[in-house]
Amino acid sequence: MKLWEILAVFAYLLAVVYLGYLGWKRTKNASDYMLAGRKAHPVIMAVSYGATFISTSAIVGFGGV
């Protein structure tokens, strides 16, 4: 692997660990975890729902097409 590829992977892993740490520190109970503390913007919720629906349809519904 080239140096820039190794640095890109390291930067990605560092970002994932940092975001995981922030999530861990900000999550106080099950409601915070499952419902994003009831603070998520409706657009974010709609995109999340759409991505979940499309993924499920693609795996289950469109498998035989």
PDB file of N, CA and C in Angstrom:
ATOM      1  N   MET A   1       0.838  -1.184   0.000  1.00  0.00           N
ATOM      2  CA  MET A   1       0.000   0.000   0.000  1.00  0.00           C
ATOM      3  C   MET A   1       0.880   1.243   0.000  1.00  0.00           C
ATOM      4  N   LYS A   2       0.374   2.245  -0.652  1.00  0.00           N
ATOM      5  CA  LYS A   2       1.087   3.516  -0.693  1.00  0.00           C
ATOM      6  C   LYS A   2       0.840   4.289   0.598  1.00  0.00           C
ATOM      7  N   LEU A   3       1.706   5.244   0.836  1.00  0.00           N
ATOM      8  CA  LEU A   3       1.630   6.020   2.072  1.00  0.00           C
ATOM      9  C   LEU A   3       0.292   6.744   2.200  1.00  0.00           C
ATOM     10  N   TRP A   4      -0.191   7.344   1.119  1.00  0.00           N
ATOM     11  CA  TRP A   4      -1.440   8.099   1.213  1.00  0.00           C
ATOM     12  C   TRP A   4      -2.624   7.183   1.500  1.00  0.00           C
ATOM     13  N   GLU A   5      -2.577   5.933   1.030  1.00  0.00           N
ATOM     14  CA  GLU A   5      -3.649   4.982   1.332  1.00  0.00           C
ATOM     15  C   GLU A   5      -3.655   4.620   2.814  1.00  0.00           C
ATOM     16  N   ILE A   6      -2.481   4.415   3.356  1.00  0.00           N
ATOM     17  CA  ILE A   6      -2.364   4.103   4.781  1.00  0.00           C
ATOM     18  C   ILE A   6      -2.847   5.282   5.618  1.00  0.00           C
ATOM     19  N   LEU A   7      -2.481   6.490   5.219  1.00  0.00           N
ATOM     20  CA  LEU A   7      -2.927   7.680   5.943  1.00  0.00           C
ATOM     21  C   LEU A   7      -4.439   7.855   5.844  1.00  0.00           C
ATOM     22  N   ALA A   8      -5.013   7.559   4.687  1.00  0.00           N
ATOM     23  CA  ALA A   8      -6.462   7.670   4.523  1.00  0.00           C
ATOM     24  C   ALA A   8      -7.186   6.675   5.425  1.00  0.00           C
ATOM     25  N   VAL A   9      -6.697   5.444   5.482  1.00  0.00           N
ATOM     26  CA  VAL A   9      -7.310   4.433   6.349  1.00  0.00           C
ATOM     27  C   VAL A   9      -7.166   4.842   7.808  1.00  0.00           C
ATOM     28  N   PHE A  10      -6.005   5.328   8.184  1.00  0.00           N
ATOM     29  CA  PHE A  10      -5.782   5.764   9.561  1.00  0.00           C
ATOM     30  C   PHE A  10      -6.691   6.941   9.914  1.00  0.00           C
ATOM     31  N   ALA A  11      -6.838   7.905   9.004  1.00  0.00           N
ATOM     32  CA  ALA A  11      -7.713   9.051   9.256  1.00  0.00           C
ATOM     33  C   ALA A  11      -9.162   8.602   9.407  1.00  0.00           C
ATOM     34  N   TYR A  12      -9.581   7.650   8.575  1.00  0.00           N
ATOM     35  CA  TYR A  12     -10.942   7.117   8.677  1.00  0.00           C
ATOM     36  C   TYR A  12     -11.157   6.432  10.024  1.00  0.00           C
ATOM     37  N   LEU A  13     -10.225   5.586  10.417  1.00  0.00           N
ATOM     38  CA  LEU A  13     -10.350   4.893  11.698  1.00  0.00           C
ATOM     39  C   LEU A  13     -10.361   5.875  12.862  1.00  0.00           C
ATOM     40  N   LEU A  14      -9.544   6.895  12.776  1.00  0.00           N
ATOM     41  CA  LEU A  14      -9.513   7.917  13.817  1.00  0.00           C
ATOM     42  C   LEU A  14     -10.855   8.645  13.901  1.00  0.00           C
ATOM     43  N   ALA A  15     -11.440   8.973  12.755  1.00  0.00           N
ATOM     44  CA  ALA A  15     -12.741   9.641  12.741  1.00  0.00           C
ATOM     45  C   ALA A  15     -13.828   8.745  13.324  1.00  0.00           C
ATOM     46  N   VAL A  16     -13.806   7.459  12.991  1.00  0.00           N
ATOM     47  CA  VAL A  16     -14.809   6.527  13.512  1.00  0.00           C
ATOM     48  C   VAL A  16     -14.676   6.379  15.023  1.00  0.00           C
ATOM     49  N   VAL A  17     -13.462   6.268  15.504  1.00  0.00           N
ATOM     50  CA  VAL A  17     -13.244   6.154  16.951  1.00  0.00           C
ATOM     51  C   VAL A  17     -13.698   7.427  17.656  1.00  0.00           C
ATOM     52  N   TYR A  18     -13.400   8.584  17.087  1.00  0.00           N
ATOM     53  CA  TYR A  18     -13.805   9.856  17.687  1.00  0.00           C
ATOM     54  C   TYR A  18     -15.330   9.977  17.744  1.00  0.00           C
ATOM     55  N   LEU A  19     -16.005   9.653  16.646  1.00  0.00           N
ATOM     56  CA  LEU A  19     -17.465   9.729  16.632  1.00  0.00           C
ATOM     57  C   LEU A  19     -18.083   8.714  17.592  1.00  0.00           C
ATOM     58  N   GLY A  20     -17.487   7.543  17.694  1.00  0.00           N
ATOM     59  CA  GLY A  20     -17.958   6.554  18.658  1.00  0.00           C
ATOM     60  C   GLY A  20     -17.805   7.046  20.083  1.00  0.00           C
ATOM     61  N   TYR A  21     -16.693   7.700  20.367  1.00  0.00           N
ATOM     62  CA  TYR A  21     -16.464   8.252  21.702  1.00  0.00           C
ATOM     63  C   TYR A  21     -17.494   9.336  22.022  1.00  0.00           C
ATOM     64  N   LEU A  22     -17.754  10.228  21.050  1.00  0.00           N
ATOM     65  CA  LEU A  22     -18.760  11.269  21.279  1.00  0.00           C
ATOM     66  C   LEU A  22     -20.133  10.663  21.542  1.00  0.00           C
ATOM     67  N   GLY A  23     -20.490   9.656  20.769  1.00  0.00           N
ATOM     68  CA  GLY A  23     -21.771   8.994  20.984  1.00  0.00           C
ATOM     69  C   GLY A  23     -21.857   8.337  22.348  1.00  0.00           C
ATOM     70  N   TRP A  24     -20.765   7.725  22.752  1.00  0.00           N
ATOM     71  CA  TRP A  24     -20.734   7.067  24.063  1.00  0.00           C
ATOM     72  C   TRP A  24     -20.897   8.081  25.193  1.00  0.00           C
ATOM     73  N   LYS A  25     -20.235   9.225  25.083  1.00  0.00           N
ATOM     74  CA  LYS A  25     -20.304  10.231  26.139  1.00  0.00           C
ATOM     75  C   LYS A  25     -21.674  10.905  26.195  1.00  0.00           C
ATOM     76  N   ARG A  26     -22.335  11.071  25.050  1.00  0.00           N
ATOM     77  CA  ARG A  26     -23.604  11.801  25.013  1.00  0.00           C
ATOM     78  C   ARG A  26     -24.824  10.918  25.245  1.00  0.00           C
ATOM     79  N   THR A  27     -24.659   9.618  25.245  1.00  0.00           N
ATOM     80  CA  THR A  27     -25.786   8.709  25.442  1.00  0.00           C
ATOM     81  C   THR A  27     -25.921   8.413  26.931  1.00  0.00           C
ATOM     82  N   LYS A  28     -27.052   8.826  27.485  1.00  0.00           N
ATOM     83  CA  LYS A  28     -27.265   8.657  28.927  1.00  0.00           C
ATOM     84  C   LYS A  28     -28.166   7.468  29.249  1.00  0.00           C
ATOM     85  N   ASN A  29     -29.131   7.162  28.364  1.00  0.00           N
ATOM     86  CA  ASN A  29     -30.067   6.068  28.631  1.00  0.00           C
ATOM     87  C   ASN A  29     -30.525   5.451  27.311  1.00  0.00           C
ATOM     88  N   ALA A  30     -31.440   4.499  27.395  1.00  0.00           N
ATOM     89  CA  ALA A  30     -31.902   3.788  26.201  1.00  0.00           C
ATOM     90  C   ALA A  30     -32.647   4.713  25.242  1.00  0.00           C
ATOM     91  N   SER A  31     -33.359   5.693  25.767  1.00  0.00           N
ATOM     92  CA  SER A  31     -34.080   6.628  24.908  1.00  0.00           C
ATOM     93  C   SER A  31     -33.113   7.459  24.069  1.00  0.00           C
ATOM     94  N   ASP A  32     -32.019   7.875  24.670  1.00  0.00           N
ATOM     95  CA  ASP A  32     -31.002   8.605  23.913  1.00  0.00           C
ATOM     96  C   ASP A  32     -30.450   7.752  22.783  1.00  0.00           C
ATOM     97  N   TYR A  33     -30.254   6.483  23.058  1.00  0.00           N
ATOM     98  CA  TYR A  33     -29.685   5.585  22.057  1.00  0.00           C
ATOM     99  C   TYR A  33     -30.675   5.293  20.937  1.00  0.00           C
ATOM    100  N   MET A  34     -31.892   4.921  21.290  1.00  0.00           N
ATOM    101  CA  MET A  34     -32.861   4.473  20.291  1.00  0.00           C
ATOM    102  C   MET A  34     -33.561   5.613  19.568  1.00  0.00           C
ATOM    103  N   LEU A  35     -33.739   6.743  20.219  1.00  0.00           N
ATOM    104  CA  LEU A  35     -34.496   7.846  19.638  1.00  0.00           C
ATOM    105  C   LEU A  35     -33.657   9.101  19.448  1.00  0.00           C
ATOM    106  N   ALA A  36     -32.358   8.977  19.540  1.00  0.00           N
ATOM    107  CA  ALA A  36     -31.443  10.118  19.389  1.00  0.00           C
ATOM    108  C   ALA A  36     -31.787  11.232  20.366  1.00  0.00           C
ATOM    109  N   GLY A  37     -32.228  10.843  21.550  1.00  0.00           N
ATOM    110  CA  GLY A  37     -32.551  11.832  22.562  1.00  0.00           C
ATOM    111  C   GLY A  37     -33.742  12.701  22.200  1.00  0.00           C
ATOM    112  N   ARG A  38     -34.532  12.262  21.231  1.00  0.00           N
ATOM    113  CA  ARG A  38     -35.693  13.005  20.718  1.00  0.00           C
ATOM    114  C   ARG A  38     -35.293  14.376  20.198  1.00  0.00           C
ATOM    115  N   LYS A  39     -34.085  14.491  19.666  1.00  0.00           N
ATOM    116  CA  LYS A  39     -33.590  15.767  19.163  1.00  0.00           C
ATOM    117  C   LYS A  39     -33.269  15.736  17.672  1.00  0.00           C
ATOM    118  N   ALA A  40     -33.530  14.622  16.992  1.00  0.00           N
ATOM    119  CA  ALA A  40     -33.173  14.508  15.579  1.00  0.00           C
ATOM    120  C   ALA A  40     -34.113  15.358  14.723  1.00  0.00           C
ATOM    121  N   HIS A  41     -33.544  16.022  13.731  1.00  0.00           N
ATOM    122  CA  HIS A  41     -34.311  16.843  12.798  1.00  0.00           C
ATOM    123  C   HIS A  41     -35.191  15.932  11.934  1.00  0.00           C
ATOM    124  N   PRO A  42     -36.385  16.372  11.575  1.00  0.00           N
ATOM    125  CA  PRO A  42     -37.273  15.537  10.755  1.00  0.00           C
ATOM    126  C   PRO A  42     -36.661  15.094   9.424  1.00  0.00           C
ATOM    127  N   VAL A  43     -35.826  15.916   8.832  1.00  0.00           N
ATOM    128  CA  VAL A  43     -35.180  15.536   7.571  1.00  0.00           C
ATOM    129  C   VAL A  43     -34.238  14.358   7.802  1.00  0.00           C
ATOM    130  N   ILE A  44     -33.505  14.384   8.885  1.00  0.00           N
ATOM    131  CA  ILE A  44     -32.605  13.278   9.213  1.00  0.00           C
ATOM    132  C   ILE A  44     -33.404  12.005   9.445  1.00  0.00           C
ATOM    133  N   MET A  45     -34.514  12.117  10.135  1.00  0.00           N
ATOM    134  CA  MET A  45     -35.357  10.947  10.376  1.00  0.00           C
ATOM    135  C   MET A  45     -35.928  10.400   9.068  1.00  0.00           C
ATOM    136  N   ALA A  46     -36.336  11.282   8.151  1.00  0.00           N
ATOM    137  CA  ALA A  46     -36.883  10.845   6.865  1.00  0.00           C
ATOM    138  C   ALA A  46     -35.825  10.150   6.025  1.00  0.00           C
ATOM    139  N   VAL A  47     -34.618  10.677   6.004  1.00  0.00           N
ATOM    140  CA  VAL A  47     -33.533  10.046   5.252  1.00  0.00           C
ATOM    141  C   VAL A  47     -33.199   8.683   5.851  1.00  0.00           C
ATOM    142  N   SER A  48     -33.174   8.596   7.160  1.00  0.00           N
ATOM    143  CA  SER A  48     -32.904   7.319   7.816  1.00  0.00           C
ATOM    144  C   SER A  48     -33.988   6.292   7.494  1.00  0.00           C
ATOM    145  N   TYR A  49     -35.234   6.708   7.559  1.00  0.00           N
ATOM    146  CA  TYR A  49     -36.341   5.805   7.224  1.00  0.00           C
ATOM    147  C   TYR A  49     -36.258   5.367   5.767  1.00  0.00           C
ATOM    148  N   GLY A  50     -35.990   6.313   4.869  1.00  0.00           N
ATOM    149  CA  GLY A  50     -35.882   5.984   3.450  1.00  0.00           C
ATOM    150  C   GLY A  50     -34.753   5.013   3.171  1.00  0.00           C
ATOM    151  N   ALA A  51     -33.617   5.216   3.783  1.00  0.00           N
ATOM    152  CA  ALA A  51     -32.482   4.317   3.575  1.00  0.00           C
ATOM    153  C   ALA A  51     -32.791   2.922   4.106  1.00  0.00           C
ATOM    154  N   THR A  52     -33.468   2.847   5.229  1.00  0.00           N
ATOM    155  CA  THR A  52     -33.844   1.550   5.781  1.00  0.00           C
ATOM    156  C   THR A  52     -34.838   0.841   4.871  1.00  0.00           C
ATOM    157  N   PHE A  53     -35.821   1.559   4.378  1.00  0.00           N
ATOM    158  CA  PHE A  53     -36.833   0.967   3.509  1.00  0.00           C
ATOM    159  C   PHE A  53     -36.224   0.498   2.195  1.00  0.00           C
ATOM    160  N   ILE A  54     -35.390   1.320   1.583  1.00  0.00           N
ATOM    161  CA  ILE A  54     -34.769   0.951   0.310  1.00  0.00           C
ATOM    162  C   ILE A  54     -33.875  -0.266   0.490  1.00  0.00           C
ATOM    163  N   SER A  55     -33.121  -0.319   1.553  1.00  0.00           N
ATOM    164  CA  SER A  55     -32.237  -1.453   1.805  1.00  0.00           C
ATOM    165  C   SER A  55     -33.039  -2.733   1.990  1.00  0.00           C
ATOM    166  N   THR A  56     -34.118  -2.653   2.755  1.00  0.00           N
ATOM    167  CA  THR A  56     -34.947  -3.830   2.985  1.00  0.00           C
ATOM    168  C   THR A  56     -35.601  -4.291   1.695  1.00  0.00           C
ATOM    169  N   SER A  57     -36.108  -3.369   0.916  1.00  0.00           N
ATOM    170  CA  SER A  57     -36.741  -3.730  -0.354  1.00  0.00           C
ATOM    171  C   SER A  57     -35.744  -4.363  -1.302  1.00  0.00           C
ATOM    172  N   ALA A  58     -34.558  -3.835  -1.336  1.00  0.00           N
ATOM    173  CA  ALA A  58     -33.545  -4.361  -2.250  1.00  0.00           C
ATOM    174  C   ALA A  58     -33.139  -5.782  -1.877  1.00  0.00           C
ATOM    175  N   ILE A  59     -33.037  -6.070  -0.607  1.00  0.00           N
ATOM    176  CA  ILE A  59     -32.586  -7.397  -0.182  1.00  0.00           C
ATOM    177  C   ILE A  59     -33.720  -8.418  -0.255  1.00  0.00           C
ATOM    178  N   VAL A  60     -34.892  -8.059   0.247  1.00  0.00           N
ATOM    179  CA  VAL A  60     -35.991  -9.016   0.339  1.00  0.00           C
ATOM    180  C   VAL A  60     -36.864  -9.003  -0.916  1.00  0.00           C
ATOM    181  N   GLY A  61     -37.288  -7.824  -1.329  1.00  0.00           N
ATOM    182  CA  GLY A  61     -38.267  -7.733  -2.403  1.00  0.00           C
ATOM    183  C   GLY A  61     -37.723  -7.879  -3.801  1.00  0.00           C
ATOM    184  N   PHE A  62     -36.529  -7.398  -4.061  1.00  0.00           N
ATOM    185  CA  PHE A  62     -35.995  -7.403  -5.414  1.00  0.00           C
ATOM    186  C   PHE A  62     -35.002  -8.526  -5.655  1.00  0.00           C
ATOM    187  N   GLY A  63     -34.907  -9.455  -4.752  1.00  0.00           N
ATOM    188  CA  GLY A  63     -33.929 -10.535  -4.886  1.00  0.00           C
ATOM    189  C   GLY A  63     -34.163 -11.434  -6.081  1.00  0.00           C
ATOM    190  N   GLY A  64     -35.415 -11.677  -6.433  1.00  0.00           N
ATOM    191  CA  GLY A  64     -35.714 -12.587  -7.533  1.00  0.00           C
ATOM    192  C   GLY A  64     -35.825 -11.917  -8.879  1.00  0.00           C
ATOM    193  N   VAL A  65     -35.693 -10.610  -8.924  1.00  0.00           N
ATOM    194  CA  VAL A  65     -35.861  -9.884 -10.195  1.00  0.00           C
ATOM    195  C   VAL A  65     -34.618  -9.985 -11.025  1.00  0.00           C
TER     196      VAL A  65
END
